[in-house]
């Protein structure tokens, strides 16, 4: 199996996860917090998740670009 094919397969799995389980996870996260501290904690958790997603996306784009 070529590295290019492996990279494409990996990207497809990421997209499938985003459109499946990740979408359900985000849809279930509707809490807004009952105080400033609770809301701020939720905001921080969201920012951590957003950063992880951004880093993962950048990694996948560079990996795909490298193999093309």
PDB file of N, CA and C in Angstrom:
ATOM      1  N   UNK A   1       0.847  -1.172   0.000  1.00  0.00           N
ATOM      2  CA  UNK A   1       0.000   0.000   0.000  1.00  0.00           C
ATOM      3  C   UNK A   1       0.895   1.238   0.000  1.00  0.00           C
ATOM      4  N   UNK A   2       0.618   2.175  -0.864  1.00  0.00           N
ATOM      5  CA  UNK A   2       1.451   3.367  -0.978  1.00  0.00           C
ATOM      6  C   UNK A   2       1.171   4.342   0.168  1.00  0.00           C
ATOM      7  N   UNK A   3       2.144   5.206   0.408  1.00  0.00           N
ATOM      8  CA  UNK A   3       1.966   6.230   1.442  1.00  0.00           C
ATOM      9  C   UNK A   3       0.842   7.184   1.063  1.00  0.00           C
ATOM     10  N   UNK A   4       0.714   7.481  -0.219  1.00  0.00           N
ATOM     11  CA  UNK A   4      -0.347   8.371  -0.681  1.00  0.00           C
ATOM     12  C   UNK A   4      -1.708   7.765  -0.371  1.00  0.00           C
ATOM     13  N   UNK A   5      -1.874   6.498  -0.675  1.00  0.00           N
ATOM     14  CA  UNK A   5      -3.143   5.815  -0.417  1.00  0.00           C
ATOM     15  C   UNK A   5      -3.436   5.786   1.071  1.00  0.00           C
ATOM     16  N   UNK A   6      -2.430   5.523   1.882  1.00  0.00           N
ATOM     17  CA  UNK A   6      -2.600   5.508   3.334  1.00  0.00           C
ATOM     18  C   UNK A   6      -3.031   6.878   3.849  1.00  0.00           C
ATOM     19  N   UNK A   7      -2.446   7.926   3.305  1.00  0.00           N
ATOM     20  CA  UNK A   7      -2.788   9.287   3.709  1.00  0.00           C
ATOM     21  C   UNK A   7      -4.225   9.620   3.351  1.00  0.00           C
ATOM     22  N   UNK A   8      -4.635   9.260   2.138  1.00  0.00           N
ATOM     23  CA  UNK A   8      -6.012   9.497   1.697  1.00  0.00           C
ATOM     24  C   UNK A   8      -6.982   8.726   2.589  1.00  0.00           C
ATOM     25  N   UNK A   9      -6.661   7.488   2.888  1.00  0.00           N
ATOM     26  CA  UNK A   9      -7.512   6.663   3.736  1.00  0.00           C
ATOM     27  C   UNK A   9      -7.646   7.285   5.123  1.00  0.00           C
ATOM     28  N   UNK A  10      -6.555   7.781   5.667  1.00  0.00           N
ATOM     29  CA  UNK A  10      -6.577   8.426   6.978  1.00  0.00           C
ATOM     30  C   UNK A  10      -7.473   9.663   6.942  1.00  0.00           C
ATOM     31  N   UNK A  11      -7.338  10.480   5.926  1.00  0.00           N
ATOM     32  CA  UNK A  11      -8.159  11.693   5.798  1.00  0.00           C
ATOM     33  C   UNK A  11      -9.636  11.333   5.671  1.00  0.00           C
ATOM     34  N   UNK A  12      -9.933  10.275   4.948  1.00  0.00           N
ATOM     35  CA  UNK A  12     -11.322   9.845   4.802  1.00  0.00           C
ATOM     36  C   UNK A  12     -11.897   9.411   6.143  1.00  0.00           C
ATOM     37  N   UNK A  13     -11.096   8.728   6.952  1.00  0.00           N
ATOM     38  CA  UNK A  13     -11.555   8.309   8.273  1.00  0.00           C
ATOM     39  C   UNK A  13     -11.831   9.515   9.169  1.00  0.00           C
ATOM     40  N   UNK A  14     -10.991  10.525   9.062  1.00  0.00           N
ATOM     41  CA  UNK A  14     -11.195  11.747   9.847  1.00  0.00           C
ATOM     42  C   UNK A  14     -12.503  12.416   9.434  1.00  0.00           C
ATOM     43  N   UNK A  15     -12.728  12.536   8.144  1.00  0.00           N
ATOM     44  CA  UNK A  15     -13.963  13.164   7.655  1.00  0.00           C
ATOM     45  C   UNK A  15     -15.182  12.354   8.091  1.00  0.00           C
ATOM     46  N   UNK A  16     -15.109  11.042   8.000  1.00  0.00           N
ATOM     47  CA  UNK A  16     -16.218  10.191   8.440  1.00  0.00           C
ATOM     48  C   UNK A  16     -16.491  10.378   9.921  1.00  0.00           C
ATOM     49  N   UNK A  17     -15.429  10.511  10.732  1.00  0.00           N
ATOM     50  CA  UNK A  17     -15.611  10.739  12.168  1.00  0.00           C
ATOM     51  C   UNK A  17     -16.266  12.098  12.412  1.00  0.00           C
ATOM     52  N   UNK A  18     -15.820  13.111  11.681  1.00  0.00           N
ATOM     53  CA  UNK A  18     -16.386  14.460  11.851  1.00  0.00           C
ATOM     54  C   UNK A  18     -17.872  14.458  11.511  1.00  0.00           C
ATOM     55  N   UNK A  19     -18.244  13.794  10.428  1.00  0.00           N
ATOM     56  CA  UNK A  19     -19.630  13.794   9.992  1.00  0.00           C
ATOM     57  C   UNK A  19     -20.513  12.819  10.772  1.00  0.00           C
ATOM     58  N   UNK A  20     -19.915  11.934  11.545  1.00  0.00           N
ATOM     59  CA  UNK A  20     -20.679  10.955  12.321  1.00  0.00           C
ATOM     60  C   UNK A  20     -20.614  11.239  13.806  1.00  0.00           C
ATOM     61  N   UNK A  21     -19.750  10.515  14.529  1.00  0.00           N
ATOM     62  CA  UNK A  21     -19.683  10.656  15.984  1.00  0.00           C
ATOM     63  C   UNK A  21     -19.371  12.079  16.467  1.00  0.00           C
ATOM     64  N   UNK A  22     -18.525  12.799  15.787  1.00  0.00           N
ATOM     65  CA  UNK A  22     -18.186  14.150  16.239  1.00  0.00           C
ATOM     66  C   UNK A  22     -19.390  15.071  16.148  1.00  0.00           C
ATOM     67  N   UNK A  23     -20.166  14.944  15.085  1.00  0.00           N
ATOM     68  CA  UNK A  23     -21.373  15.764  14.926  1.00  0.00           C
ATOM     69  C   UNK A  23     -22.355  15.481  16.060  1.00  0.00           C
ATOM     70  N   UNK A  24     -22.515  14.203  16.409  1.00  0.00           N
ATOM     71  CA  UNK A  24     -23.415  13.829  17.506  1.00  0.00           C
ATOM     72  C   UNK A  24     -22.884  14.363  18.836  1.00  0.00           C
ATOM     73  N   UNK A  25     -21.573  14.288  19.032  1.00  0.00           N
ATOM     74  CA  UNK A  25     -20.969  14.804  20.260  1.00  0.00           C
ATOM     75  C   UNK A  25     -21.229  16.298  20.401  1.00  0.00           C
ATOM     76  N   UNK A  26     -20.981  17.051  19.341  1.00  0.00           N
ATOM     77  CA  UNK A  26     -21.196  18.500  19.399  1.00  0.00           C
ATOM     78  C   UNK A  26     -22.666  18.845  19.599  1.00  0.00           C
ATOM     79  N   UNK A  27     -23.559  18.088  18.976  1.00  0.00           N
ATOM     80  CA  UNK A  27     -24.994  18.349  19.111  1.00  0.00           C
ATOM     81  C   UNK A  27     -25.474  18.093  20.544  1.00  0.00           C
ATOM     82  N   UNK A  28     -24.781  17.212  21.265  1.00  0.00           N
ATOM     83  CA  UNK A  28     -25.187  16.900  22.638  1.00  0.00           C
ATOM     84  C   UNK A  28     -24.639  17.910  23.649  1.00  0.00           C
ATOM     85  N   UNK A  29     -23.724  18.750  23.236  1.00  0.00           N
ATOM     86  CA  UNK A  29     -23.100  19.724  24.135  1.00  0.00           C
ATOM     87  C   UNK A  29     -23.874  21.036  24.087  1.00  0.00           C
ATOM     88  N   UNK A  30     -24.957  21.126  24.869  1.00  0.00           N
ATOM     89  CA  UNK A  30     -25.810  22.310  24.824  1.00  0.00           C
ATOM     90  C   UNK A  30     -25.824  23.089  26.130  1.00  0.00           C
ATOM     91  N   UNK A  31     -25.081  22.636  27.124  1.00  0.00           N
ATOM     92  CA  UNK A  31     -25.049  23.317  28.418  1.00  0.00           C
ATOM     93  C   UNK A  31     -24.423  24.700  28.262  1.00  0.00           C
ATOM     94  N   UNK A  32     -25.002  25.698  28.941  1.00  0.00           N
ATOM     95  CA  UNK A  32     -24.451  27.048  28.878  1.00  0.00           C
ATOM     96  C   UNK A  32     -23.867  27.492  30.218  1.00  0.00           C
ATOM     97  N   UNK A  33     -24.016  26.662  31.238  1.00  0.00           N
ATOM     98  CA  UNK A  33     -23.502  27.016  32.562  1.00  0.00           C
ATOM     99  C   UNK A  33     -24.522  27.839  33.332  1.00  0.00           C
ATOM    100  N   UNK A  34     -24.530  27.636  34.648  1.00  0.00           N
ATOM    101  CA  UNK A  34     -25.495  28.347  35.480  1.00  0.00           C
ATOM    102  C   UNK A  34     -24.856  29.487  36.272  1.00  0.00           C
ATOM    103  N   UNK A  35     -23.586  29.751  35.984  1.00  0.00           N
ATOM    104  CA  UNK A  35     -22.881  30.862  36.623  1.00  0.00           C
ATOM    105  C   UNK A  35     -21.771  31.313  35.678  1.00  0.00           C
ATOM    106  N   UNK A  36     -21.176  32.431  36.007  1.00  0.00           N
ATOM    107  CA  UNK A  36     -20.072  32.922  35.182  1.00  0.00           C
ATOM    108  C   UNK A  36     -18.935  31.913  35.162  1.00  0.00           C
ATOM    109  N   UNK A  37     -18.615  31.355  36.324  1.00  0.00           N
ATOM    110  CA  UNK A  37     -17.509  30.388  36.411  1.00  0.00           C
ATOM    111  C   UNK A  37     -17.794  29.139  35.588  1.00  0.00           C
ATOM    112  N   UNK A  38     -19.035  28.644  35.676  1.00  0.00           N
ATOM    113  CA  UNK A  38     -19.398  27.443  34.908  1.00  0.00           C
ATOM    114  C   UNK A  38     -19.350  27.734  33.406  1.00  0.00           C
ATOM    115  N   UNK A  39     -19.868  28.880  33.006  1.00  0.00           N
ATOM    116  CA  UNK A  39     -19.841  29.251  31.590  1.00  0.00           C
ATOM    117  C   UNK A  39     -18.406  29.435  31.102  1.00  0.00           C
ATOM    118  N   UNK A  40     -17.557  30.035  31.927  1.00  0.00           N
ATOM    119  CA  UNK A  40     -16.160  30.236  31.559  1.00  0.00           C
ATOM    120  C   UNK A  40     -15.439  28.903  31.425  1.00  0.00           C
ATOM    121  N   UNK A  41     -15.750  27.956  32.306  1.00  0.00           N
ATOM    122  CA  UNK A  41     -15.156  26.618  32.218  1.00  0.00           C
ATOM    123  C   UNK A  41     -15.578  25.922  30.928  1.00  0.00           C
ATOM    124  N   UNK A  42     -16.852  26.034  30.576  1.00  0.00           N
ATOM    125  CA  UNK A  42     -17.332  25.443  29.322  1.00  0.00           C
ATOM    126  C   UNK A  42     -16.641  26.086  28.124  1.00  0.00           C
ATOM    127  N   UNK A  43     -16.454  27.405  28.179  1.00  0.00           N
ATOM    128  CA  UNK A  43     -15.754  28.104  27.091  1.00  0.00           C
ATOM    129  C   UNK A  43     -14.332  27.589  26.952  1.00  0.00           C
ATOM    130  N   UNK A  44     -13.657  27.394  28.076  1.00  0.00           N
ATOM    131  CA  UNK A  44     -12.276  26.894  28.044  1.00  0.00           C
ATOM    132  C   UNK A  44     -12.227  25.473  27.481  1.00  0.00           C
ATOM    133  N   UNK A  45     -13.173  24.638  27.868  1.00  0.00           N
ATOM    134  CA  UNK A  45     -13.223  23.275  27.324  1.00  0.00           C
ATOM    135  C   UNK A  45     -13.448  23.306  25.816  1.00  0.00           C
ATOM    136  N   UNK A  46     -14.322  24.200  25.371  1.00  0.00           N
ATOM    137  CA  UNK A  46     -14.574  24.337  23.938  1.00  0.00           C
ATOM    138  C   UNK A  46     -13.310  24.783  23.209  1.00  0.00           C
ATOM    139  N   UNK A  47     -12.588  25.747  23.777  1.00  0.00           N
ATOM    140  CA  UNK A  47     -11.362  26.227  23.146  1.00  0.00           C
ATOM    141  C   UNK A  47     -10.312  25.125  23.058  1.00  0.00           C
ATOM    142  N   UNK A  48     -10.231  24.264  24.084  1.00  0.00           N
ATOM    143  CA  UNK A  48      -9.285  23.144  24.052  1.00  0.00           C
ATOM    144  C   UNK A  48      -9.653  22.166  22.942  1.00  0.00           C
ATOM    145  N   UNK A  49     -10.937  21.858  22.813  1.00  0.00           N
ATOM    146  CA  UNK A  49     -11.386  20.966  21.748  1.00  0.00           C
ATOM    147  C   UNK A  49     -11.126  21.589  20.380  1.00  0.00           C
ATOM    148  N   UNK A  50     -11.411  22.871  20.251  1.00  0.00           N
ATOM    149  CA  UNK A  50     -11.180  23.571  18.990  1.00  0.00           C
ATOM    150  C   UNK A  50      -9.703  23.545  18.607  1.00  0.00           C
ATOM    151  N   UNK A  51      -8.817  23.746  19.575  1.00  0.00           N
ATOM    152  CA  UNK A  51      -7.385  23.706  19.314  1.00  0.00           C
ATOM    153  C   UNK A  51      -6.946  22.316  18.863  1.00  0.00           C
ATOM    154  N   UNK A  52      -7.435  21.276  19.524  1.00  0.00           N
ATOM    155  CA  UNK A  52      -7.100  19.907  19.127  1.00  0.00           C
ATOM    156  C   UNK A  52      -7.560  19.628  17.697  1.00  0.00           C
ATOM    157  N   UNK A  53      -8.757  20.084  17.353  1.00  0.00           N
ATOM    158  CA  UNK A  53      -9.276  19.879  15.994  1.00  0.00           C
ATOM    159  C   UNK A  53      -8.436  20.632  14.973  1.00  0.00           C
ATOM    160  N   UNK A  54      -8.043  21.851  15.312  1.00  0.00           N
ATOM    161  CA  UNK A  54      -7.226  22.653  14.405  1.00  0.00           C
ATOM    162  C   UNK A  54      -5.867  22.004  14.176  1.00  0.00           C
ATOM    163  N   UNK A  55      -5.231  21.559  15.248  1.00  0.00           N
ATOM    164  CA  UNK A  55      -3.922  20.912  15.134  1.00  0.00           C
ATOM    165  C   UNK A  55      -4.041  19.638  14.302  1.00  0.00           C
ATOM    166  N   UNK A  56      -5.082  18.860  14.539  1.00  0.00           N
ATOM    167  CA  UNK A  56      -5.282  17.624  13.779  1.00  0.00           C
ATOM    168  C   UNK A  56      -5.508  17.919  12.303  1.00  0.00           C
ATOM    169  N   UNK A  57      -6.294  18.943  12.013  1.00  0.00           N
ATOM    170  CA  UNK A  57      -6.554  19.313  10.619  1.00  0.00           C
ATOM    171  C   UNK A  57      -5.280  19.757   9.924  1.00  0.00           C
ATOM    172  N   UNK A  58      -4.504  20.597  10.588  1.00  0.00           N
ATOM    173  CA  UNK A  58      -3.245  21.069  10.004  1.00  0.00           C
ATOM    174  C   UNK A  58      -2.303  19.898   9.754  1.00  0.00           C
ATOM    175  N   UNK A  59      -2.218  18.986  10.710  1.00  0.00           N
ATOM    176  CA  UNK A  59      -1.366  17.805  10.552  1.00  0.00           C
ATOM    177  C   UNK A  59      -1.800  16.991   9.335  1.00  0.00           C
ATOM    178  N   UNK A  60      -3.109  16.786   9.182  1.00  0.00           N
ATOM    179  CA  UNK A  60      -3.603  15.997   8.052  1.00  0.00           C
ATOM    180  C   UNK A  60      -3.367  16.702   6.726  1.00  0.00           C
ATOM    181  N   UNK A  61      -3.539  18.007   6.692  1.00  0.00           N
ATOM    182  CA  UNK A  61      -3.315  18.750   5.447  1.00  0.00           C
ATOM    183  C   UNK A  61      -1.849  18.673   5.038  1.00  0.00           C
ATOM    184  N   UNK A  62      -0.937  18.878   5.999  1.00  0.00           N
ATOM    185  CA  UNK A  62       0.485  18.798   5.673  1.00  0.00           C
ATOM    186  C   UNK A  62       0.890  17.378   5.266  1.00  0.00           C
ATOM    187  N   UNK A  63       0.313  16.385   5.934  1.00  0.00           N
ATOM    188  CA  UNK A  63       0.631  15.006   5.571  1.00  0.00           C
ATOM    189  C   UNK A  63       0.150  14.710   4.155  1.00  0.00           C
ATOM    190  N   UNK A  64      -1.056  15.135   3.840  1.00  0.00           N
ATOM    191  CA  UNK A  64      -1.584  14.907   2.503  1.00  0.00           C
ATOM    192  C   UNK A  64      -0.773  15.659   1.467  1.00  0.00           C
ATOM    193  N   UNK A  65      -0.427  16.904   1.756  1.00  0.00           N
ATOM    194  CA  UNK A  65       0.371  17.701   0.822  1.00  0.00           C
ATOM    195  C   UNK A  65       1.741  17.059   0.589  1.00  0.00           C
ATOM    196  N   UNK A  66       2.342  16.536   1.646  1.00  0.00           N
ATOM    197  CA  UNK A  66       3.662  15.917   1.542  1.00  0.00           C
ATOM    198  C   UNK A  66       3.626  14.702   0.610  1.00  0.00           C
ATOM    199  N   UNK A  67       2.543  13.910   0.691  1.00  0.00           N
ATOM    200  CA  UNK A  67       2.471  12.680  -0.087  1.00  0.00           C
ATOM    201  C   UNK A  67       1.963  12.879  -1.500  1.00  0.00           C
ATOM    202  N   UNK A  68       1.417  14.062  -1.779  1.00  0.00           N
ATOM    203  CA  UNK A  68       0.945  14.320  -3.148  1.00  0.00           C
ATOM    204  C   UNK A  68       2.082  14.808  -3.942  1.00  0.00           C
TER     205      UNK A  68
END
